[in-house]
Amino acid sequence: MNKPTAQFLISFILLGISSAAFAHPGHDVSGLSAGMMHPFRGFDHLLAMGAVGLWAAQNGGRKIGLLPAAFMLMMVVGAKCALIYPFLPLIESGIAASVLVLGVITALSLKLSARLSVAITALFGFFHGYAHGLEMSGAIEAEAYALGFLAATVVLHLAGIVVGITTRARFVRLPQMLGAIIAASGLWLLSTS
């Protein structure tokens, strides 16, 4: 394994064992820059969104665009639902489960049907969007914040896709190893939620 790949892997592992997420109420939710930084501050979002990109790259074809699009579309729907009905239970557990399940799927390089892949990704996008929507309730510049976290989500999906595609030839097992780290992090999140 070359030095940049080893450094990336070590950083990813350290990220996976870092402290609990800052991804939910109690932080700045005003404006574009706060929205853009949000997914990078909560490692539950960071790992799930990266896993969507990795999984999409493993599947290839139309799923490269389909899975991230389904996740983002349902993030918007989830955020809107949270603004209308802010009482849905088990959202944190759903987010933790998204990290675990997406990690397992990536670790095992599962190739599911397009419909099932989209359904899984959309469900988890809804949970993440709902959490963002709860944060936005009553926020100043909520629309700019939403655009910011959507832009950050695109970046994280693309990062997962790029890692998945660029490692295909020389480091075939790297996405699977990353998936295992993501799954372990999801298990830890579930145990603490």
N, C-alpha and C. Protein backbone atom coordinates (compact mmCIF):
# COMPACT_ATOMS: atom_id res chain seq x y z
N MET A 1 0.85 -1.17 0.00
CA MET A 1 0.00 0.00 0.00
C MET A 1 0.90 1.23 0.00
N ASN A 2 0.62 2.20 -0.88
CA ASN A 2 1.47 3.38 -0.93
C ASN A 2 1.14 4.34 0.22
N LYS A 3 2.01 5.31 0.45
CA LYS A 3 1.90 6.21 1.61
C LYS A 3 0.61 7.03 1.61
N PRO A 4 0.19 7.67 0.49
CA PRO A 4 -1.07 8.43 0.52
C PRO A 4 -2.28 7.56 0.86
N THR A 5 -2.31 6.33 0.35
CA THR A 5 -3.42 5.44 0.65
C THR A 5 -3.41 5.06 2.11
N ALA A 6 -2.25 4.77 2.66
CA ALA A 6 -2.14 4.42 4.08
C ALA A 6 -2.56 5.60 4.95
N GLN A 7 -2.16 6.81 4.58
CA GLN A 7 -2.55 7.99 5.35
C GLN A 7 -4.06 8.20 5.30
N PHE A 8 -4.65 8.00 4.13
CA PHE A 8 -6.09 8.13 4.00
C PHE A 8 -6.81 7.11 4.89
N LEU A 9 -6.35 5.88 4.85
CA LEU A 9 -6.96 4.81 5.63
C LEU A 9 -6.84 5.09 7.12
N ILE A 10 -5.68 5.53 7.58
CA ILE A 10 -5.50 5.86 9.00
C ILE A 10 -6.40 7.02 9.40
N SER A 11 -6.49 8.04 8.57
CA SER A 11 -7.38 9.17 8.86
C SER A 11 -8.83 8.72 8.95
N PHE A 12 -9.22 7.84 8.03
CA PHE A 12 -10.59 7.34 8.02
C PHE A 12 -10.88 6.53 9.28
N ILE A 13 -9.94 5.71 9.72
CA ILE A 13 -10.11 4.92 10.94
C ILE A 13 -10.22 5.84 12.15
N LEU A 14 -9.35 6.84 12.23
CA LEU A 14 -9.42 7.77 13.35
C LEU A 14 -10.73 8.54 13.35
N LEU A 15 -11.21 8.88 12.19
CA LEU A 15 -12.50 9.55 12.08
C LEU A 15 -13.60 8.65 12.61
N GLY A 16 -13.52 7.38 12.29
CA GLY A 16 -14.53 6.43 12.72
C GLY A 16 -14.57 6.19 14.21
N ILE A 17 -13.45 6.43 14.90
CA ILE A 17 -13.44 6.22 16.35
C ILE A 17 -13.47 7.52 17.12
N SER A 18 -13.74 8.61 16.45
CA SER A 18 -13.79 9.91 17.11
C SER A 18 -15.02 10.02 17.99
N SER A 19 -15.14 11.14 18.68
CA SER A 19 -16.23 11.32 19.64
C SER A 19 -17.58 11.41 18.95
N ALA A 20 -18.63 11.44 19.77
CA ALA A 20 -20.00 11.46 19.27
C ALA A 20 -20.22 12.63 18.31
N ALA A 21 -21.19 12.47 17.47
CA ALA A 21 -21.44 13.44 16.40
C ALA A 21 -21.96 14.77 16.93
N PHE A 22 -21.63 15.82 16.20
CA PHE A 22 -22.17 17.15 16.45
C PHE A 22 -23.28 17.41 15.43
N ALA A 23 -23.87 16.37 14.92
CA ALA A 23 -24.71 16.51 13.74
C ALA A 23 -26.11 17.00 14.05
N HIS A 24 -26.43 17.24 15.28
CA HIS A 24 -27.81 17.54 15.60
C HIS A 24 -27.92 18.71 16.56
N PRO A 25 -29.12 19.08 16.99
CA PRO A 25 -29.35 20.35 17.68
C PRO A 25 -28.23 20.80 18.62
N GLY A 26 -28.03 22.13 18.63
CA GLY A 26 -27.04 22.70 19.51
C GLY A 26 -25.88 23.35 18.79
N HIS A 27 -25.99 23.58 17.48
CA HIS A 27 -24.93 24.23 16.73
C HIS A 27 -25.54 25.23 15.78
N ASP A 28 -24.69 26.01 15.13
CA ASP A 28 -25.13 27.05 14.22
C ASP A 28 -25.86 26.46 13.01
N VAL A 29 -27.07 26.94 12.75
CA VAL A 29 -27.84 26.47 11.60
C VAL A 29 -28.28 27.64 10.73
N SER A 30 -27.51 28.69 10.73
CA SER A 30 -27.87 29.87 9.95
C SER A 30 -26.89 30.07 8.80
N GLY A 31 -27.41 30.03 7.60
CA GLY A 31 -26.62 30.39 6.44
C GLY A 31 -25.96 29.24 5.71
N LEU A 32 -25.46 29.60 4.55
CA LEU A 32 -24.86 28.64 3.62
C LEU A 32 -23.63 27.96 4.20
N SER A 33 -22.73 28.72 4.79
CA SER A 33 -21.47 28.13 5.29
C SER A 33 -21.74 27.16 6.44
N ALA A 34 -22.68 27.46 7.31
CA ALA A 34 -23.02 26.53 8.40
C ALA A 34 -23.59 25.24 7.84
N GLY A 35 -24.42 25.35 6.81
CA GLY A 35 -24.97 24.16 6.18
C GLY A 35 -23.91 23.33 5.48
N MET A 36 -22.95 24.00 4.86
CA MET A 36 -21.88 23.28 4.17
C MET A 36 -20.96 22.56 5.15
N MET A 37 -20.75 23.13 6.32
CA MET A 37 -19.86 22.52 7.30
C MET A 37 -20.53 21.41 8.10
N HIS A 38 -21.84 21.47 8.21
CA HIS A 38 -22.56 20.54 9.08
C HIS A 38 -22.25 19.06 8.84
N PRO A 39 -22.35 18.53 7.63
CA PRO A 39 -22.07 17.11 7.45
C PRO A 39 -20.63 16.71 7.75
N PHE A 40 -19.71 17.67 7.71
CA PHE A 40 -18.31 17.37 8.00
C PHE A 40 -18.05 17.36 9.51
N ARG A 41 -18.93 17.94 10.28
CA ARG A 41 -18.76 17.99 11.73
C ARG A 41 -19.37 16.79 12.44
N GLY A 42 -20.34 16.17 11.83
CA GLY A 42 -20.98 15.00 12.41
C GLY A 42 -20.55 13.76 11.65
N PHE A 43 -19.77 12.92 12.29
CA PHE A 43 -19.20 11.82 11.51
C PHE A 43 -20.26 10.81 11.10
N ASP A 44 -21.44 10.80 11.73
CA ASP A 44 -22.50 9.91 11.26
C ASP A 44 -22.92 10.30 9.84
N HIS A 45 -23.08 11.60 9.59
CA HIS A 45 -23.42 12.05 8.24
C HIS A 45 -22.27 11.80 7.28
N LEU A 46 -21.09 12.14 7.71
CA LEU A 46 -19.89 11.97 6.88
C LEU A 46 -19.74 10.53 6.41
N LEU A 47 -19.87 9.59 7.32
CA LEU A 47 -19.70 8.17 6.98
C LEU A 47 -20.83 7.65 6.10
N ALA A 48 -22.07 8.01 6.43
CA ALA A 48 -23.20 7.52 5.63
C ALA A 48 -23.15 8.05 4.20
N MET A 49 -22.85 9.33 4.07
CA MET A 49 -22.83 9.93 2.73
C MET A 49 -21.65 9.41 1.91
N GLY A 50 -20.52 9.22 2.57
CA GLY A 50 -19.38 8.61 1.89
C GLY A 50 -19.68 7.19 1.46
N ALA A 51 -20.39 6.44 2.32
CA ALA A 51 -20.76 5.06 2.01
C ALA A 51 -21.70 4.98 0.81
N VAL A 52 -22.60 5.94 0.70
CA VAL A 52 -23.49 5.96 -0.47
C VAL A 52 -22.66 6.06 -1.74
N GLY A 53 -21.65 6.95 -1.74
CA GLY A 53 -20.78 7.09 -2.90
C GLY A 53 -19.97 5.84 -3.18
N LEU A 54 -19.42 5.23 -2.13
CA LEU A 54 -18.66 3.99 -2.30
C LEU A 54 -19.54 2.89 -2.89
N TRP A 55 -20.73 2.73 -2.34
CA TRP A 55 -21.65 1.69 -2.81
C TRP A 55 -22.05 1.94 -4.26
N ALA A 56 -22.32 3.20 -4.58
CA ALA A 56 -22.68 3.54 -5.96
C ALA A 56 -21.54 3.18 -6.91
N ALA A 57 -20.30 3.48 -6.51
CA ALA A 57 -19.14 3.16 -7.36
C ALA A 57 -18.96 1.66 -7.50
N GLN A 58 -19.20 0.90 -6.43
CA GLN A 58 -19.09 -0.55 -6.51
C GLN A 58 -20.08 -1.13 -7.49
N ASN A 59 -21.28 -0.56 -7.54
CA ASN A 59 -22.32 -1.05 -8.44
C ASN A 59 -22.13 -0.58 -9.87
N GLY A 60 -21.62 0.64 -10.03
CA GLY A 60 -21.40 1.18 -11.36
C GLY A 60 -22.67 1.44 -12.13
N GLY A 61 -22.53 1.68 -13.41
CA GLY A 61 -23.68 1.93 -14.28
C GLY A 61 -24.52 3.11 -13.82
N ARG A 62 -25.81 2.97 -13.98
CA ARG A 62 -26.72 4.08 -13.65
C ARG A 62 -26.84 4.32 -12.15
N LYS A 63 -26.45 3.33 -11.34
CA LYS A 63 -26.52 3.51 -9.89
C LYS A 63 -25.55 4.56 -9.38
N ILE A 64 -24.52 4.87 -10.16
CA ILE A 64 -23.56 5.91 -9.74
C ILE A 64 -24.28 7.25 -9.54
N GLY A 65 -25.25 7.54 -10.37
CA GLY A 65 -26.02 8.76 -10.20
C GLY A 65 -27.31 8.55 -9.42
N LEU A 66 -27.89 7.38 -9.57
CA LEU A 66 -29.19 7.08 -8.99
C LEU A 66 -29.18 7.06 -7.47
N LEU A 67 -28.19 6.41 -6.87
CA LEU A 67 -28.16 6.28 -5.41
C LEU A 67 -27.95 7.63 -4.72
N PRO A 68 -26.96 8.41 -5.13
CA PRO A 68 -26.82 9.74 -4.52
C PRO A 68 -28.05 10.63 -4.74
N ALA A 69 -28.64 10.54 -5.93
CA ALA A 69 -29.83 11.37 -6.21
C ALA A 69 -30.99 10.98 -5.31
N ALA A 70 -31.19 9.68 -5.11
CA ALA A 70 -32.28 9.23 -4.23
C ALA A 70 -32.04 9.69 -2.80
N PHE A 71 -30.80 9.59 -2.34
CA PHE A 71 -30.46 10.03 -0.99
C PHE A 71 -30.77 11.52 -0.83
N MET A 72 -30.32 12.33 -1.79
CA MET A 72 -30.51 13.77 -1.68
C MET A 72 -31.97 14.19 -1.81
N LEU A 73 -32.68 13.56 -2.72
CA LEU A 73 -34.10 13.88 -2.87
C LEU A 73 -34.85 13.60 -1.57
N MET A 74 -34.56 12.46 -0.97
CA MET A 74 -35.26 12.13 0.27
C MET A 74 -34.74 12.93 1.46
N MET A 75 -33.54 13.46 1.37
CA MET A 75 -33.09 14.41 2.40
C MET A 75 -33.99 15.64 2.39
N VAL A 76 -34.29 16.13 1.21
CA VAL A 76 -35.16 17.29 1.08
C VAL A 76 -36.56 16.96 1.62
N VAL A 77 -37.09 15.81 1.24
CA VAL A 77 -38.41 15.40 1.72
C VAL A 77 -38.39 15.25 3.24
N GLY A 78 -37.36 14.62 3.78
CA GLY A 78 -37.25 14.45 5.22
C GLY A 78 -37.19 15.77 5.96
N ALA A 79 -36.42 16.72 5.41
CA ALA A 79 -36.32 18.04 6.04
C ALA A 79 -37.67 18.75 6.04
N LYS A 80 -38.38 18.66 4.93
CA LYS A 80 -39.72 19.28 4.86
C LYS A 80 -40.67 18.62 5.85
N CYS A 81 -40.61 17.30 5.96
CA CYS A 81 -41.47 16.58 6.92
C CYS A 81 -41.19 17.01 8.35
N ALA A 82 -39.92 17.20 8.68
CA ALA A 82 -39.55 17.61 10.03
C ALA A 82 -40.10 18.99 10.36
N LEU A 83 -40.15 19.87 9.37
CA LEU A 83 -40.69 21.20 9.61
C LEU A 83 -42.20 21.17 9.83
N ILE A 84 -42.86 20.19 9.22
CA ILE A 84 -44.31 20.05 9.37
C ILE A 84 -44.68 19.21 10.59
N TYR A 85 -43.97 18.11 10.79
CA TYR A 85 -44.26 17.17 11.88
C TYR A 85 -42.96 16.83 12.61
N PRO A 86 -42.59 17.64 13.63
CA PRO A 86 -41.29 17.44 14.29
C PRO A 86 -41.30 16.42 15.42
N PHE A 87 -42.14 15.40 15.35
CA PHE A 87 -42.28 14.46 16.46
C PHE A 87 -41.98 13.01 16.09
N LEU A 88 -41.36 12.77 14.98
CA LEU A 88 -41.06 11.41 14.54
C LEU A 88 -39.99 10.80 15.45
N PRO A 89 -40.27 9.62 16.03
CA PRO A 89 -39.30 9.02 16.95
C PRO A 89 -38.19 8.26 16.22
N LEU A 90 -37.15 7.95 16.94
CA LEU A 90 -36.06 7.07 16.50
C LEU A 90 -35.25 7.58 15.32
N ILE A 91 -35.22 8.88 15.12
CA ILE A 91 -34.44 9.42 14.01
C ILE A 91 -32.95 9.17 14.23
N GLU A 92 -32.46 9.40 15.43
CA GLU A 92 -31.03 9.16 15.70
C GLU A 92 -30.69 7.69 15.49
N SER A 93 -31.57 6.80 15.90
CA SER A 93 -31.33 5.37 15.68
C SER A 93 -31.35 5.04 14.19
N GLY A 94 -32.23 5.69 13.44
CA GLY A 94 -32.27 5.50 11.99
C GLY A 94 -31.00 5.97 11.32
N ILE A 95 -30.45 7.08 11.80
CA ILE A 95 -29.20 7.59 11.24
C ILE A 95 -28.05 6.63 11.57
N ALA A 96 -28.01 6.17 12.82
CA ALA A 96 -26.97 5.20 13.21
C ALA A 96 -27.11 3.91 12.39
N ALA A 97 -28.35 3.46 12.19
CA ALA A 97 -28.59 2.26 11.38
C ALA A 97 -28.14 2.49 9.95
N SER A 98 -28.30 3.71 9.44
CA SER A 98 -27.86 3.99 8.07
C SER A 98 -26.36 3.79 7.94
N VAL A 99 -25.60 4.22 8.94
CA VAL A 99 -24.15 4.06 8.91
C VAL A 99 -23.80 2.57 8.94
N LEU A 100 -24.46 1.83 9.83
CA LEU A 100 -24.21 0.39 9.95
C LEU A 100 -24.56 -0.35 8.66
N VAL A 101 -25.78 -0.16 8.18
CA VAL A 101 -26.25 -0.91 7.01
C VAL A 101 -25.47 -0.54 5.75
N LEU A 102 -25.28 0.75 5.52
CA LEU A 102 -24.51 1.16 4.33
C LEU A 102 -23.08 0.66 4.42
N GLY A 103 -22.52 0.63 5.62
CA GLY A 103 -21.18 0.08 5.80
C GLY A 103 -21.12 -1.40 5.50
N VAL A 104 -22.11 -2.16 5.99
CA VAL A 104 -22.16 -3.60 5.73
C VAL A 104 -22.33 -3.87 4.23
N ILE A 105 -23.24 -3.14 3.61
CA ILE A 105 -23.47 -3.31 2.17
C ILE A 105 -22.19 -3.05 1.38
N THR A 106 -21.46 -2.00 1.76
CA THR A 106 -20.21 -1.66 1.07
C THR A 106 -19.13 -2.70 1.38
N ALA A 107 -19.05 -3.12 2.64
CA ALA A 107 -18.04 -4.12 3.02
C ALA A 107 -18.23 -5.42 2.27
N LEU A 108 -19.49 -5.78 2.04
CA LEU A 108 -19.79 -7.02 1.33
C LEU A 108 -19.90 -6.84 -0.18
N SER A 109 -19.75 -5.61 -0.65
CA SER A 109 -19.90 -5.28 -2.08
C SER A 109 -21.21 -5.84 -2.65
N LEU A 110 -22.30 -5.64 -1.92
CA LEU A 110 -23.58 -6.18 -2.36
C LEU A 110 -24.07 -5.49 -3.62
N LYS A 111 -24.54 -6.28 -4.53
CA LYS A 111 -25.13 -5.76 -5.77
C LYS A 111 -26.62 -6.12 -5.73
N LEU A 112 -27.40 -5.21 -5.20
CA LEU A 112 -28.85 -5.41 -5.09
C LEU A 112 -29.53 -4.84 -6.32
N SER A 113 -30.80 -5.18 -6.48
CA SER A 113 -31.55 -4.61 -7.61
C SER A 113 -31.58 -3.09 -7.48
N ALA A 114 -31.79 -2.42 -8.59
CA ALA A 114 -31.83 -0.97 -8.59
C ALA A 114 -32.94 -0.47 -7.67
N ARG A 115 -34.10 -1.10 -7.71
CA ARG A 115 -35.23 -0.66 -6.87
C ARG A 115 -34.91 -0.79 -5.38
N LEU A 116 -34.35 -1.92 -4.98
CA LEU A 116 -34.03 -2.12 -3.57
C LEU A 116 -32.90 -1.18 -3.15
N SER A 117 -31.92 -1.00 -4.00
CA SER A 117 -30.81 -0.08 -3.69
C SER A 117 -31.33 1.34 -3.50
N VAL A 118 -32.20 1.78 -4.38
CA VAL A 118 -32.78 3.13 -4.28
C VAL A 118 -33.64 3.23 -3.03
N ALA A 119 -34.43 2.20 -2.73
CA ALA A 119 -35.29 2.23 -1.55
C ALA A 119 -34.47 2.35 -0.27
N ILE A 120 -33.41 1.58 -0.16
CA ILE A 120 -32.55 1.63 1.03
C ILE A 120 -31.92 3.01 1.15
N THR A 121 -31.36 3.48 0.06
CA THR A 121 -30.69 4.78 0.06
C THR A 121 -31.67 5.90 0.36
N ALA A 122 -32.85 5.84 -0.22
CA ALA A 122 -33.87 6.87 0.01
C ALA A 122 -34.32 6.88 1.46
N LEU A 123 -34.53 5.71 2.04
CA LEU A 123 -34.95 5.65 3.45
C LEU A 123 -33.92 6.33 4.34
N PHE A 124 -32.65 6.02 4.12
CA PHE A 124 -31.63 6.62 4.96
C PHE A 124 -31.46 8.11 4.67
N GLY A 125 -31.65 8.52 3.43
CA GLY A 125 -31.64 9.95 3.11
C GLY A 125 -32.75 10.68 3.85
N PHE A 126 -33.91 10.04 3.99
CA PHE A 126 -35.02 10.64 4.72
C PHE A 126 -34.62 10.89 6.17
N PHE A 127 -34.01 9.89 6.83
CA PHE A 127 -33.59 10.06 8.22
C PHE A 127 -32.63 11.23 8.38
N HIS A 128 -31.64 11.29 7.50
CA HIS A 128 -30.66 12.37 7.59
C HIS A 128 -31.31 13.72 7.32
N GLY A 129 -32.19 13.78 6.33
CA GLY A 129 -32.89 15.02 6.03
C GLY A 129 -33.81 15.46 7.16
N TYR A 130 -34.47 14.50 7.79
CA TYR A 130 -35.37 14.81 8.91
C TYR A 130 -34.57 15.46 10.04
N ALA A 131 -33.41 14.90 10.34
CA ALA A 131 -32.56 15.48 11.40
C ALA A 131 -32.16 16.91 11.04
N HIS A 132 -31.81 17.13 9.77
CA HIS A 132 -31.46 18.49 9.33
C HIS A 132 -32.67 19.41 9.46
N GLY A 133 -33.84 18.92 9.10
CA GLY A 133 -35.05 19.73 9.18
C GLY A 133 -35.38 20.13 10.61
N LEU A 134 -35.18 19.22 11.56
CA LEU A 134 -35.41 19.56 12.97
C LEU A 134 -34.50 20.71 13.40
N GLU A 135 -33.29 20.69 12.92
CA GLU A 135 -32.34 21.75 13.27
C GLU A 135 -32.75 23.09 12.68
N MET A 136 -33.38 23.06 11.51
CA MET A 136 -33.69 24.28 10.78
C MET A 136 -34.92 24.99 11.30
N SER A 137 -35.73 24.34 12.10
CA SER A 137 -36.97 24.93 12.58
C SER A 137 -36.69 26.25 13.28
N GLY A 138 -37.18 27.33 12.72
CA GLY A 138 -37.01 28.66 13.29
C GLY A 138 -35.65 29.29 13.04
N ALA A 139 -34.80 28.66 12.25
CA ALA A 139 -33.46 29.18 11.99
C ALA A 139 -33.53 30.37 11.04
N ILE A 140 -32.58 31.27 11.22
CA ILE A 140 -32.42 32.39 10.28
C ILE A 140 -31.68 31.84 9.06
N GLU A 141 -32.09 32.22 7.89
CA GLU A 141 -31.48 31.76 6.63
C GLU A 141 -31.52 30.24 6.50
N ALA A 142 -32.67 29.66 6.82
CA ALA A 142 -32.82 28.20 6.76
C ALA A 142 -32.64 27.67 5.35
N GLU A 143 -33.11 28.40 4.35
CA GLU A 143 -32.97 27.94 2.96
C GLU A 143 -31.50 27.87 2.55
N ALA A 144 -30.72 28.87 2.95
CA ALA A 144 -29.30 28.87 2.63
C ALA A 144 -28.60 27.71 3.35
N TYR A 145 -29.00 27.46 4.59
CA TYR A 145 -28.45 26.33 5.35
C TYR A 145 -28.73 25.02 4.62
N ALA A 146 -29.98 24.86 4.14
CA ALA A 146 -30.37 23.64 3.42
C ALA A 146 -29.54 23.48 2.15
N LEU A 147 -29.36 24.57 1.41
CA LEU A 147 -28.52 24.49 0.20
C LEU A 147 -27.09 24.10 0.56
N GLY A 148 -26.61 24.60 1.68
CA GLY A 148 -25.26 24.27 2.12
C GLY A 148 -25.10 22.81 2.45
N PHE A 149 -26.06 22.23 3.19
CA PHE A 149 -25.88 20.82 3.51
C PHE A 149 -26.13 19.93 2.30
N LEU A 150 -26.92 20.37 1.35
CA LEU A 150 -27.07 19.61 0.11
C LEU A 150 -25.77 19.65 -0.71
N ALA A 151 -25.13 20.82 -0.76
CA ALA A 151 -23.86 20.92 -1.48
C ALA A 151 -22.79 20.05 -0.83
N ALA A 152 -22.75 20.04 0.50
CA ALA A 152 -21.78 19.20 1.21
C ALA A 152 -22.07 17.72 0.96
N THR A 153 -23.34 17.38 0.86
CA THR A 153 -23.72 15.99 0.59
C THR A 153 -23.21 15.57 -0.79
N VAL A 154 -23.34 16.45 -1.77
CA VAL A 154 -22.81 16.16 -3.12
C VAL A 154 -21.31 15.89 -3.04
N VAL A 155 -20.59 16.73 -2.31
CA VAL A 155 -19.15 16.56 -2.18
C VAL A 155 -18.81 15.22 -1.54
N LEU A 156 -19.53 14.84 -0.49
CA LEU A 156 -19.25 13.57 0.19
C LEU A 156 -19.62 12.37 -0.69
N HIS A 157 -20.73 12.46 -1.40
CA HIS A 157 -21.07 11.38 -2.35
C HIS A 157 -19.99 11.25 -3.41
N LEU A 158 -19.58 12.39 -3.97
CA LEU A 158 -18.54 12.36 -5.00
C LEU A 158 -17.22 11.82 -4.46
N ALA A 159 -16.88 12.16 -3.23
CA ALA A 159 -15.65 11.63 -2.63
C ALA A 159 -15.71 10.11 -2.54
N GLY A 160 -16.86 9.58 -2.11
CA GLY A 160 -17.02 8.12 -2.05
C GLY A 160 -16.93 7.49 -3.42
N ILE A 161 -17.54 8.13 -4.41
CA ILE A 161 -17.50 7.61 -5.78
C ILE A 161 -16.07 7.62 -6.31
N VAL A 162 -15.37 8.72 -6.10
CA VAL A 162 -13.99 8.83 -6.59
C VAL A 162 -13.11 7.78 -5.93
N VAL A 163 -13.22 7.61 -4.62
CA VAL A 163 -12.42 6.58 -3.93
C VAL A 163 -12.77 5.21 -4.50
N GLY A 164 -14.06 4.94 -4.66
CA GLY A 164 -14.48 3.64 -5.18
C GLY A 164 -13.97 3.36 -6.58
N ILE A 165 -14.02 4.36 -7.44
CA ILE A 165 -13.59 4.17 -8.83
C ILE A 165 -12.06 4.12 -8.94
N THR A 166 -11.37 5.01 -8.25
CA THR A 166 -9.91 5.06 -8.40
C THR A 166 -9.18 3.89 -7.74
N THR A 167 -9.84 3.21 -6.84
CA THR A 167 -9.19 2.07 -6.17
C THR A 167 -9.51 0.73 -6.83
N ARG A 168 -10.36 0.74 -7.84
CA ARG A 168 -10.77 -0.51 -8.48
C ARG A 168 -9.60 -1.34 -9.01
N ALA A 169 -8.67 -0.69 -9.65
CA ALA A 169 -7.59 -1.42 -10.32
C ALA A 169 -6.51 -1.90 -9.35
N ARG A 170 -6.04 -1.04 -8.48
CA ARG A 170 -4.88 -1.39 -7.65
C ARG A 170 -5.24 -1.79 -6.22
N PHE A 171 -6.32 -1.25 -5.67
CA PHE A 171 -6.68 -1.51 -4.28
C PHE A 171 -8.13 -1.97 -4.19
N VAL A 172 -8.40 -3.08 -4.80
CA VAL A 172 -9.76 -3.59 -4.95
C VAL A 172 -10.47 -3.72 -3.60
N ARG A 173 -9.75 -4.10 -2.57
CA ARG A 173 -10.36 -4.34 -1.25
C ARG A 173 -10.52 -3.08 -0.40
N LEU A 174 -9.93 -1.96 -0.82
CA LEU A 174 -10.01 -0.75 0.00
C LEU A 174 -11.46 -0.31 0.26
N PRO A 175 -12.35 -0.23 -0.74
CA PRO A 175 -13.73 0.14 -0.43
C PRO A 175 -14.40 -0.83 0.55
N GLN A 176 -14.06 -2.12 0.44
CA GLN A 176 -14.63 -3.09 1.38
C GLN A 176 -14.09 -2.85 2.78
N MET A 177 -12.81 -2.55 2.90
CA MET A 177 -12.23 -2.25 4.21
C MET A 177 -12.86 -0.99 4.80
N LEU A 178 -13.04 0.02 3.97
CA LEU A 178 -13.70 1.25 4.43
C LEU A 178 -15.13 0.95 4.86
N GLY A 179 -15.81 0.10 4.10
CA GLY A 179 -17.16 -0.31 4.47
C GLY A 179 -17.20 -0.98 5.83
N ALA A 180 -16.22 -1.82 6.11
CA ALA A 180 -16.15 -2.49 7.41
C ALA A 180 -15.94 -1.48 8.54
N ILE A 181 -15.11 -0.48 8.29
CA ILE A 181 -14.88 0.57 9.29
C ILE A 181 -16.17 1.37 9.50
N ILE A 182 -16.84 1.68 8.42
CA ILE A 182 -18.11 2.41 8.50
C ILE A 182 -19.13 1.59 9.28
N ALA A 183 -19.23 0.29 8.98
CA ALA A 183 -20.18 -0.58 9.68
C ALA A 183 -19.87 -0.64 11.17
N ALA A 184 -18.59 -0.77 11.53
CA ALA A 184 -18.21 -0.81 12.94
C ALA A 184 -18.58 0.50 13.63
N SER A 185 -18.39 1.62 12.93
CA SER A 185 -18.78 2.91 13.48
C SER A 185 -20.28 2.98 13.68
N GLY A 186 -21.04 2.44 12.74
CA GLY A 186 -22.50 2.41 12.86
C GLY A 186 -22.95 1.57 14.04
N LEU A 187 -22.28 0.46 14.26
CA LEU A 187 -22.60 -0.38 15.42
C LEU A 187 -22.33 0.38 16.71
N TRP A 188 -21.22 1.09 16.74
CA TRP A 188 -20.90 1.91 17.92
C TRP A 188 -21.95 3.00 18.11
N LEU A 189 -22.35 3.67 17.03
CA LEU A 189 -23.38 4.70 17.12
C LEU A 189 -24.70 4.14 17.64
N LEU A 190 -25.07 2.97 17.15
CA LEU A 190 -26.32 2.34 17.63
C LEU A 190 -26.24 2.03 19.12
N SER A 191 -25.09 1.62 19.58
CA SER A 191 -24.96 1.28 20.99
C SER A 191 -24.98 2.51 21.89
N THR A 192 -24.69 3.69 21.33
CA THR A 192 -24.69 4.90 22.13
C THR A 192 -25.94 5.76 21.92
N SER A 193 -26.80 5.38 20.98
CA SER A 193 -27.99 6.23 20.71
C SER A 193 -29.17 5.80 21.56
